[in-house]
Amino acid sequence: MGPFHTTSGTARGGPRTVLPGRPAPVPLATAATTGGSYGLLRIQLLPGDEAPYLVHHGEDRSFVVLDGRMRVDTASRRLTAATGDLVFVPRDRPHRCLALDGPADVLMLFTPGGAEGLYLALWPPGHDADLIVRLSAEYNVDVLALPAEAPDESDHHDG
């Protein structure tokens, strides 16, 4: 693997848009471009996006909030992150992420790389449950609960 440069999509006219008003995820680095070391996506989470509760078995996940606020629910904690914050979720830990108060511009880091392909394959949002579960399994990700079934985290606190 050699040096490389990828544009975030914000230069020269803004993020690539597939749905009206909805930027598509931007793959800044993938397992293919990093020799499997990591994958990095820039993604916009919108309030009202419904996130499945899932477990990544093959990689750790890190979220860096570039702008806005997001929440990451885990089995034991509810973590609220704002612009500039980092949230780390080790592999094999159930979690889901949601935007708060407005759009959240987020870097999603997968170490090692590979599972970033799942997010690209499931774009745009709105797929049926069977497809989500089937594609997730191909990336060694278990869907524990679809959005309507996700556990209530109201008894957990920010941390």
N, C-alpha and C. Protein backbone atom coordinates (compact mmCIF):
# COMPACT_ATOMS: atom_id res chain seq x y z
N MET A 1 0.85 -1.17 0.00
CA MET A 1 0.00 0.00 0.00
C MET A 1 0.90 1.24 0.00
N GLY A 2 0.53 2.20 -0.82
CA GLY A 2 1.28 3.45 -0.88
C GLY A 2 0.43 4.60 -0.40
N PRO A 3 0.99 5.79 -0.37
CA PRO A 3 0.22 6.96 0.03
C PRO A 3 -0.97 7.17 -0.92
N PHE A 4 -2.04 7.73 -0.39
CA PHE A 4 -3.19 8.06 -1.23
C PHE A 4 -3.90 9.27 -0.67
N HIS A 5 -4.73 9.89 -1.51
CA HIS A 5 -5.51 11.06 -1.13
C HIS A 5 -6.93 10.84 -1.62
N THR A 6 -7.90 11.11 -0.76
CA THR A 6 -9.31 11.00 -1.12
C THR A 6 -10.00 12.28 -0.71
N THR A 7 -10.84 12.82 -1.57
CA THR A 7 -11.59 14.01 -1.21
C THR A 7 -12.80 13.62 -0.37
N SER A 8 -13.15 14.47 0.58
CA SER A 8 -14.29 14.20 1.45
C SER A 8 -15.62 14.46 0.76
N GLY A 9 -15.56 15.04 -0.41
CA GLY A 9 -16.79 15.38 -1.10
C GLY A 9 -17.29 16.77 -0.75
N THR A 10 -16.67 17.43 0.21
CA THR A 10 -17.11 18.77 0.58
C THR A 10 -16.43 19.82 -0.29
N ALA A 11 -15.29 19.48 -0.86
CA ALA A 11 -14.63 20.41 -1.78
C ALA A 11 -15.36 20.36 -3.11
N ARG A 12 -15.24 21.39 -3.88
CA ARG A 12 -15.81 21.44 -5.22
C ARG A 12 -17.30 21.12 -5.26
N GLY A 13 -18.11 21.83 -4.48
CA GLY A 13 -19.55 21.73 -4.66
C GLY A 13 -20.32 20.96 -3.61
N GLY A 14 -19.69 20.51 -2.57
CA GLY A 14 -20.43 19.86 -1.49
C GLY A 14 -20.51 18.36 -1.63
N PRO A 15 -21.11 17.71 -0.62
CA PRO A 15 -21.20 16.25 -0.60
C PRO A 15 -22.01 15.72 -1.77
N ARG A 16 -21.64 14.55 -2.21
CA ARG A 16 -22.35 13.83 -3.25
C ARG A 16 -23.75 13.50 -2.73
N THR A 17 -24.80 13.79 -3.49
CA THR A 17 -26.16 13.58 -3.03
C THR A 17 -26.85 12.56 -3.92
N VAL A 18 -27.44 11.56 -3.30
CA VAL A 18 -28.18 10.55 -4.04
C VAL A 18 -29.67 10.75 -3.83
N LEU A 19 -30.08 11.06 -2.62
CA LEU A 19 -31.47 11.37 -2.32
C LEU A 19 -31.57 12.88 -2.12
N PRO A 20 -32.68 13.50 -2.48
CA PRO A 20 -32.79 14.95 -2.30
C PRO A 20 -32.48 15.34 -0.85
N GLY A 21 -31.49 16.22 -0.69
CA GLY A 21 -31.12 16.70 0.63
C GLY A 21 -30.39 15.70 1.49
N ARG A 22 -30.00 14.59 0.92
CA ARG A 22 -29.39 13.50 1.70
C ARG A 22 -28.05 13.10 1.10
N PRO A 23 -26.92 13.55 1.68
CA PRO A 23 -25.62 13.16 1.15
C PRO A 23 -25.38 11.66 1.32
N ALA A 24 -24.79 11.05 0.32
CA ALA A 24 -24.41 9.64 0.40
C ALA A 24 -23.16 9.50 1.26
N PRO A 25 -22.95 8.35 1.90
CA PRO A 25 -21.70 8.13 2.62
C PRO A 25 -20.51 8.29 1.67
N VAL A 26 -19.44 8.88 2.16
CA VAL A 26 -18.24 9.07 1.36
C VAL A 26 -17.16 8.14 1.89
N PRO A 27 -16.74 7.15 1.08
CA PRO A 27 -15.65 6.27 1.52
C PRO A 27 -14.30 6.99 1.38
N LEU A 28 -13.76 7.44 2.49
CA LEU A 28 -12.47 8.13 2.47
C LEU A 28 -11.33 7.13 2.37
N ALA A 29 -11.52 5.94 2.94
CA ALA A 29 -10.55 4.85 2.85
C ALA A 29 -11.33 3.55 3.02
N THR A 30 -10.92 2.53 2.31
CA THR A 30 -11.57 1.23 2.43
C THR A 30 -10.51 0.17 2.68
N ALA A 31 -10.95 -1.01 3.03
CA ALA A 31 -10.01 -2.11 3.22
C ALA A 31 -9.17 -2.30 1.97
N ALA A 32 -9.77 -2.08 0.79
CA ALA A 32 -9.04 -2.24 -0.47
C ALA A 32 -7.92 -1.20 -0.63
N THR A 33 -8.13 0.02 -0.15
CA THR A 33 -7.11 1.06 -0.33
C THR A 33 -6.10 1.09 0.81
N THR A 34 -6.38 0.40 1.93
CA THR A 34 -5.47 0.42 3.08
C THR A 34 -4.85 -0.94 3.36
N GLY A 35 -4.97 -1.86 2.43
CA GLY A 35 -4.42 -3.19 2.66
C GLY A 35 -5.13 -3.91 3.80
N GLY A 36 -6.40 -3.54 4.05
CA GLY A 36 -7.17 -4.16 5.11
C GLY A 36 -7.00 -3.54 6.48
N SER A 37 -6.11 -2.55 6.61
CA SER A 37 -5.82 -1.96 7.92
C SER A 37 -7.02 -1.28 8.55
N TYR A 38 -7.76 -0.51 7.73
CA TYR A 38 -8.92 0.20 8.27
C TYR A 38 -9.83 0.64 7.14
N GLY A 39 -11.03 1.03 7.51
CA GLY A 39 -11.98 1.66 6.60
C GLY A 39 -12.48 2.93 7.26
N LEU A 40 -12.70 3.97 6.48
CA LEU A 40 -13.12 5.25 7.02
C LEU A 40 -14.20 5.83 6.12
N LEU A 41 -15.38 6.07 6.71
CA LEU A 41 -16.49 6.68 6.00
C LEU A 41 -16.83 8.01 6.61
N ARG A 42 -17.24 8.95 5.78
CA ARG A 42 -17.85 10.18 6.27
C ARG A 42 -19.33 10.04 5.96
N ILE A 43 -20.15 10.18 6.98
CA ILE A 43 -21.57 9.92 6.83
C ILE A 43 -22.36 10.99 7.56
N GLN A 44 -23.52 11.30 7.04
CA GLN A 44 -24.41 12.22 7.73
C GLN A 44 -25.56 11.44 8.33
N LEU A 45 -25.69 11.52 9.65
CA LEU A 45 -26.82 10.93 10.35
C LEU A 45 -27.89 12.01 10.48
N LEU A 46 -29.13 11.63 10.23
CA LEU A 46 -30.23 12.58 10.36
C LEU A 46 -31.12 12.19 11.53
N PRO A 47 -31.68 13.18 12.24
CA PRO A 47 -32.64 12.85 13.28
C PRO A 47 -33.78 12.06 12.63
N GLY A 48 -34.24 11.07 13.29
CA GLY A 48 -35.29 10.25 12.73
C GLY A 48 -34.76 9.04 11.97
N ASP A 49 -33.45 9.04 11.64
CA ASP A 49 -32.88 7.82 11.06
C ASP A 49 -33.04 6.72 12.09
N GLU A 50 -33.49 5.60 11.66
CA GLU A 50 -33.69 4.47 12.56
C GLU A 50 -32.49 3.54 12.44
N ALA A 51 -31.79 3.34 13.52
CA ALA A 51 -30.58 2.52 13.50
C ALA A 51 -30.85 1.15 14.12
N PRO A 52 -30.36 0.09 13.46
CA PRO A 52 -30.47 -1.22 14.09
C PRO A 52 -29.50 -1.33 15.27
N TYR A 53 -29.82 -2.20 16.18
CA TYR A 53 -28.94 -2.52 17.31
C TYR A 53 -28.13 -3.71 16.84
N LEU A 54 -26.80 -3.57 16.78
CA LEU A 54 -26.00 -4.61 16.15
C LEU A 54 -24.67 -4.83 16.84
N VAL A 55 -23.98 -5.88 16.39
CA VAL A 55 -22.66 -6.24 16.92
C VAL A 55 -21.73 -6.50 15.75
N HIS A 56 -20.60 -5.80 15.71
CA HIS A 56 -19.54 -6.07 14.74
C HIS A 56 -18.57 -7.06 15.39
N HIS A 57 -18.38 -8.20 14.75
CA HIS A 57 -17.49 -9.21 15.32
C HIS A 57 -16.06 -9.11 14.81
N GLY A 58 -15.86 -8.46 13.67
CA GLY A 58 -14.54 -8.45 13.06
C GLY A 58 -13.74 -7.19 13.24
N GLU A 59 -14.34 -6.13 13.79
CA GLU A 59 -13.61 -4.87 13.89
C GLU A 59 -14.13 -4.01 15.02
N ASP A 60 -13.26 -3.11 15.48
CA ASP A 60 -13.63 -2.08 16.43
C ASP A 60 -14.22 -0.91 15.63
N ARG A 61 -15.07 -0.12 16.30
CA ARG A 61 -15.70 1.04 15.65
C ARG A 61 -15.33 2.29 16.43
N SER A 62 -15.01 3.32 15.71
CA SER A 62 -14.79 4.63 16.31
C SER A 62 -15.63 5.64 15.53
N PHE A 63 -16.18 6.60 16.25
CA PHE A 63 -16.98 7.66 15.66
C PHE A 63 -16.37 8.99 16.07
N VAL A 64 -16.08 9.86 15.11
CA VAL A 64 -15.61 11.21 15.39
C VAL A 64 -16.69 12.16 14.85
N VAL A 65 -17.23 12.98 15.73
CA VAL A 65 -18.28 13.91 15.33
C VAL A 65 -17.62 15.17 14.78
N LEU A 66 -17.80 15.40 13.49
CA LEU A 66 -17.25 16.59 12.84
C LEU A 66 -18.14 17.80 13.09
N ASP A 67 -19.45 17.56 13.14
CA ASP A 67 -20.40 18.64 13.38
C ASP A 67 -21.70 18.03 13.87
N GLY A 68 -22.33 18.67 14.85
CA GLY A 68 -23.60 18.19 15.37
C GLY A 68 -23.44 17.38 16.64
N ARG A 69 -24.49 16.60 16.92
CA ARG A 69 -24.48 15.75 18.11
C ARG A 69 -25.05 14.38 17.74
N MET A 70 -24.47 13.35 18.34
CA MET A 70 -24.97 12.00 18.12
C MET A 70 -24.97 11.25 19.44
N ARG A 71 -25.72 10.16 19.45
CA ARG A 71 -25.76 9.29 20.64
C ARG A 71 -25.40 7.88 20.18
N VAL A 72 -24.57 7.22 20.97
CA VAL A 72 -24.26 5.82 20.76
C VAL A 72 -24.79 5.07 21.97
N ASP A 73 -25.75 4.18 21.71
CA ASP A 73 -26.30 3.33 22.77
C ASP A 73 -25.56 2.01 22.74
N THR A 74 -25.06 1.59 23.91
CA THR A 74 -24.43 0.28 24.05
C THR A 74 -25.26 -0.52 25.03
N ALA A 75 -24.85 -1.74 25.30
CA ALA A 75 -25.60 -2.59 26.23
C ALA A 75 -25.60 -2.02 27.64
N SER A 76 -24.59 -1.23 27.99
CA SER A 76 -24.49 -0.74 29.37
C SER A 76 -24.49 0.78 29.51
N ARG A 77 -24.35 1.50 28.40
CA ARG A 77 -24.24 2.96 28.50
C ARG A 77 -24.89 3.65 27.33
N ARG A 78 -25.29 4.88 27.56
CA ARG A 78 -25.75 5.79 26.51
C ARG A 78 -24.73 6.92 26.46
N LEU A 79 -24.03 7.04 25.33
CA LEU A 79 -22.96 8.01 25.19
C LEU A 79 -23.40 9.11 24.24
N THR A 80 -23.34 10.36 24.70
CA THR A 80 -23.69 11.50 23.86
C THR A 80 -22.41 12.20 23.45
N ALA A 81 -22.24 12.42 22.14
CA ALA A 81 -21.03 13.03 21.62
C ALA A 81 -21.40 14.26 20.80
N ALA A 82 -20.60 15.32 20.95
CA ALA A 82 -20.80 16.57 20.23
C ALA A 82 -19.59 16.84 19.33
N THR A 83 -19.66 17.91 18.57
CA THR A 83 -18.60 18.29 17.64
C THR A 83 -17.23 18.15 18.30
N GLY A 84 -16.34 17.40 17.64
CA GLY A 84 -14.98 17.20 18.13
C GLY A 84 -14.80 15.97 18.99
N ASP A 85 -15.89 15.33 19.41
CA ASP A 85 -15.79 14.17 20.31
C ASP A 85 -15.52 12.88 19.55
N LEU A 86 -14.95 11.92 20.28
CA LEU A 86 -14.68 10.57 19.79
C LEU A 86 -15.43 9.58 20.67
N VAL A 87 -16.07 8.61 20.04
CA VAL A 87 -16.68 7.49 20.76
C VAL A 87 -16.06 6.21 20.19
N PHE A 88 -15.59 5.33 21.06
CA PHE A 88 -14.99 4.06 20.66
C PHE A 88 -15.87 2.92 21.15
N VAL A 89 -16.17 1.97 20.26
CA VAL A 89 -16.94 0.78 20.62
C VAL A 89 -16.12 -0.44 20.18
N PRO A 90 -15.61 -1.23 21.14
CA PRO A 90 -14.83 -2.42 20.77
C PRO A 90 -15.69 -3.45 20.05
N ARG A 91 -15.04 -4.28 19.26
CA ARG A 91 -15.76 -5.36 18.59
C ARG A 91 -16.49 -6.23 19.61
N ASP A 92 -17.51 -6.89 19.17
CA ASP A 92 -18.34 -7.79 19.99
C ASP A 92 -19.16 -7.07 21.05
N ARG A 93 -19.34 -5.76 20.92
CA ARG A 93 -20.18 -4.99 21.85
C ARG A 93 -21.42 -4.50 21.12
N PRO A 94 -22.60 -4.86 21.59
CA PRO A 94 -23.84 -4.36 20.96
C PRO A 94 -23.90 -2.83 21.02
N HIS A 95 -24.39 -2.23 19.92
CA HIS A 95 -24.50 -0.77 19.89
C HIS A 95 -25.40 -0.33 18.74
N ARG A 96 -25.80 0.93 18.80
CA ARG A 96 -26.46 1.62 17.69
C ARG A 96 -26.14 3.09 17.83
N CYS A 97 -26.21 3.85 16.72
CA CYS A 97 -25.92 5.28 16.78
C CYS A 97 -27.06 6.06 16.14
N LEU A 98 -27.33 7.23 16.73
CA LEU A 98 -28.44 8.08 16.32
C LEU A 98 -28.01 9.54 16.34
N ALA A 99 -28.55 10.34 15.44
CA ALA A 99 -28.31 11.78 15.46
C ALA A 99 -29.22 12.41 16.52
N LEU A 100 -28.76 13.51 17.10
CA LEU A 100 -29.56 14.26 18.07
C LEU A 100 -29.71 15.70 17.58
N ASP A 101 -30.86 16.29 17.80
CA ASP A 101 -31.08 17.73 17.58
C ASP A 101 -30.98 18.22 16.14
N GLY A 102 -30.44 17.48 15.24
CA GLY A 102 -30.23 17.91 13.86
C GLY A 102 -29.26 16.96 13.21
N PRO A 103 -28.85 17.24 11.98
CA PRO A 103 -27.90 16.35 11.32
C PRO A 103 -26.58 16.27 12.08
N ALA A 104 -25.94 15.12 12.02
CA ALA A 104 -24.61 14.93 12.59
C ALA A 104 -23.69 14.46 11.48
N ASP A 105 -22.61 15.20 11.26
CA ASP A 105 -21.60 14.85 10.27
C ASP A 105 -20.54 14.05 11.02
N VAL A 106 -20.36 12.77 10.63
CA VAL A 106 -19.58 11.84 11.44
C VAL A 106 -18.57 11.08 10.58
N LEU A 107 -17.36 10.91 11.12
CA LEU A 107 -16.40 9.96 10.56
C LEU A 107 -16.60 8.64 11.28
N MET A 108 -16.75 7.55 10.52
CA MET A 108 -16.88 6.21 11.09
C MET A 108 -15.63 5.43 10.70
N LEU A 109 -14.86 5.01 11.71
CA LEU A 109 -13.61 4.28 11.48
C LEU A 109 -13.82 2.82 11.85
N PHE A 110 -13.45 1.93 10.96
CA PHE A 110 -13.56 0.49 11.17
C PHE A 110 -12.14 -0.07 11.19
N THR A 111 -11.74 -0.69 12.30
CA THR A 111 -10.39 -1.26 12.39
C THR A 111 -10.46 -2.72 12.83
N PRO A 112 -9.95 -3.64 12.01
CA PRO A 112 -9.47 -3.46 10.65
C PRO A 112 -10.62 -3.15 9.71
N GLY A 113 -10.29 -2.88 8.46
CA GLY A 113 -11.29 -2.49 7.48
C GLY A 113 -12.09 -3.66 6.94
N GLY A 114 -13.16 -3.32 6.26
CA GLY A 114 -14.00 -4.32 5.61
C GLY A 114 -15.47 -4.04 5.79
N ALA A 115 -15.90 -3.83 7.02
CA ALA A 115 -17.33 -3.65 7.29
C ALA A 115 -17.86 -2.32 6.80
N GLU A 116 -16.99 -1.41 6.39
CA GLU A 116 -17.49 -0.17 5.79
C GLU A 116 -18.31 -0.48 4.54
N GLY A 117 -18.00 -1.61 3.92
CA GLY A 117 -18.75 -2.05 2.74
C GLY A 117 -20.21 -2.30 3.03
N LEU A 118 -20.53 -2.70 4.26
CA LEU A 118 -21.93 -2.93 4.63
C LEU A 118 -22.73 -1.62 4.53
N TYR A 119 -22.16 -0.53 5.03
CA TYR A 119 -22.85 0.75 5.02
C TYR A 119 -23.03 1.27 3.59
N LEU A 120 -22.05 1.01 2.76
CA LEU A 120 -22.16 1.42 1.36
C LEU A 120 -23.19 0.55 0.63
N ALA A 121 -23.24 -0.74 0.95
CA ALA A 121 -24.19 -1.65 0.31
C ALA A 121 -25.63 -1.35 0.71
N LEU A 122 -25.82 -0.85 1.92
CA LEU A 122 -27.17 -0.56 2.41
C LEU A 122 -27.63 0.87 2.11
N TRP A 123 -26.85 1.60 1.29
CA TRP A 123 -27.26 2.94 0.91
C TRP A 123 -28.12 2.86 -0.33
N PRO A 124 -29.18 3.59 -0.47
CA PRO A 124 -29.77 4.51 0.50
C PRO A 124 -30.58 3.76 1.54
N PRO A 125 -30.93 4.43 2.66
CA PRO A 125 -31.68 3.80 3.74
C PRO A 125 -33.06 3.35 3.26
N GLY A 126 -33.66 2.48 4.06
CA GLY A 126 -35.03 2.06 3.78
C GLY A 126 -35.17 0.63 3.28
N HIS A 127 -34.13 -0.18 3.44
CA HIS A 127 -34.20 -1.57 2.99
C HIS A 127 -35.06 -2.41 3.93
N ASP A 128 -35.59 -3.50 3.40
CA ASP A 128 -36.39 -4.38 4.24
C ASP A 128 -35.50 -5.17 5.20
N ALA A 129 -36.10 -5.66 6.26
CA ALA A 129 -35.38 -6.33 7.34
C ALA A 129 -34.58 -7.53 6.84
N ASP A 130 -35.15 -8.32 5.94
CA ASP A 130 -34.44 -9.51 5.45
C ASP A 130 -33.13 -9.15 4.77
N LEU A 131 -33.14 -8.11 3.94
CA LEU A 131 -31.92 -7.69 3.26
C LEU A 131 -30.89 -7.17 4.26
N ILE A 132 -31.32 -6.38 5.22
CA ILE A 132 -30.40 -5.85 6.23
C ILE A 132 -29.72 -6.99 6.98
N VAL A 133 -30.48 -7.97 7.42
CA VAL A 133 -29.92 -9.09 8.18
C VAL A 133 -28.99 -9.93 7.30
N ARG A 134 -29.40 -10.20 6.05
CA ARG A 134 -28.58 -11.03 5.15
C ARG A 134 -27.25 -10.35 4.83
N LEU A 135 -27.29 -9.06 4.45
CA LEU A 135 -26.05 -8.35 4.13
C LEU A 135 -25.16 -8.21 5.36
N SER A 136 -25.75 -7.95 6.51
CA SER A 136 -24.97 -7.83 7.74
C SER A 136 -24.20 -9.11 8.02
N ALA A 137 -24.85 -10.25 7.86
CA ALA A 137 -24.19 -11.54 8.10
C ALA A 137 -22.98 -11.72 7.18
N GLU A 138 -23.07 -11.21 5.93
CA GLU A 138 -21.95 -11.31 5.00
C GLU A 138 -20.73 -10.53 5.48
N TYR A 139 -20.95 -9.52 6.32
CA TYR A 139 -19.87 -8.69 6.86
C TYR A 139 -19.54 -9.03 8.31
N ASN A 140 -19.99 -10.21 8.78
CA ASN A 140 -19.72 -10.66 10.15
C ASN A 140 -20.30 -9.71 11.19
N VAL A 141 -21.48 -9.20 10.90
CA VAL A 141 -22.21 -8.30 11.79
C VAL A 141 -23.55 -8.94 12.10
N ASP A 142 -23.88 -9.04 13.38
CA ASP A 142 -25.18 -9.57 13.79
C ASP A 142 -26.13 -8.43 14.09
N VAL A 143 -27.32 -8.49 13.51
CA VAL A 143 -28.37 -7.53 13.82
C VAL A 143 -29.15 -8.13 14.99
N LEU A 144 -29.07 -7.48 16.15
CA LEU A 144 -29.74 -7.97 17.35
C LEU A 144 -31.19 -7.52 17.41
N ALA A 145 -31.44 -6.31 16.91
CA ALA A 145 -32.80 -5.77 16.89
C ALA A 145 -32.88 -4.73 15.79
N LEU A 146 -33.95 -4.80 15.04
CA LEU A 146 -34.21 -3.77 14.04
C LEU A 146 -34.74 -2.54 14.77
N PRO A 147 -34.77 -1.38 14.14
CA PRO A 147 -35.09 -0.14 14.84
C PRO A 147 -36.32 -0.20 15.74
N ALA A 148 -37.42 -0.73 15.27
CA ALA A 148 -38.63 -0.77 16.08
C ALA A 148 -38.49 -1.69 17.29
N GLU A 149 -37.50 -2.61 17.23
CA GLU A 149 -37.32 -3.58 18.30
C GLU A 149 -36.13 -3.25 19.20
N ALA A 150 -35.40 -2.18 18.88
CA ALA A 150 -34.18 -1.85 19.63
C ALA A 150 -34.51 -1.64 21.09
N PRO A 151 -33.60 -2.06 21.97
CA PRO A 151 -33.87 -1.94 23.40
C PRO A 151 -34.03 -0.50 23.85
N ASP A 152 -34.87 -0.29 24.83
CA ASP A 152 -35.06 1.05 25.42
C ASP A 152 -33.88 1.34 26.32
N GLU A 153 -33.18 2.38 26.02
CA GLU A 153 -31.99 2.75 26.79
C GLU A 153 -32.27 3.87 27.79
N SER A 154 -33.55 4.13 28.10
CA SER A 154 -33.88 5.29 28.92
C SER A 154 -33.34 5.24 30.33
N ASP A 155 -32.98 4.06 30.81
CA ASP A 155 -32.43 3.97 32.16
C ASP A 155 -30.94 4.15 32.20
N HIS A 156 -30.31 4.38 31.05
CA HIS A 156 -28.86 4.57 31.00
C HIS A 156 -28.55 6.06 31.01
N HIS A 157 -27.31 6.38 31.31
CA HIS A 157 -26.91 7.78 31.43
C HIS A 157 -25.85 8.13 30.42
N ASP A 158 -25.68 9.44 30.20
CA ASP A 158 -24.60 9.91 29.35
C ASP A 158 -23.29 9.63 30.05
N GLY A 159 -22.27 9.39 29.26
CA GLY A 159 -20.97 9.13 29.88
C GLY A 159 -19.84 9.63 29.08
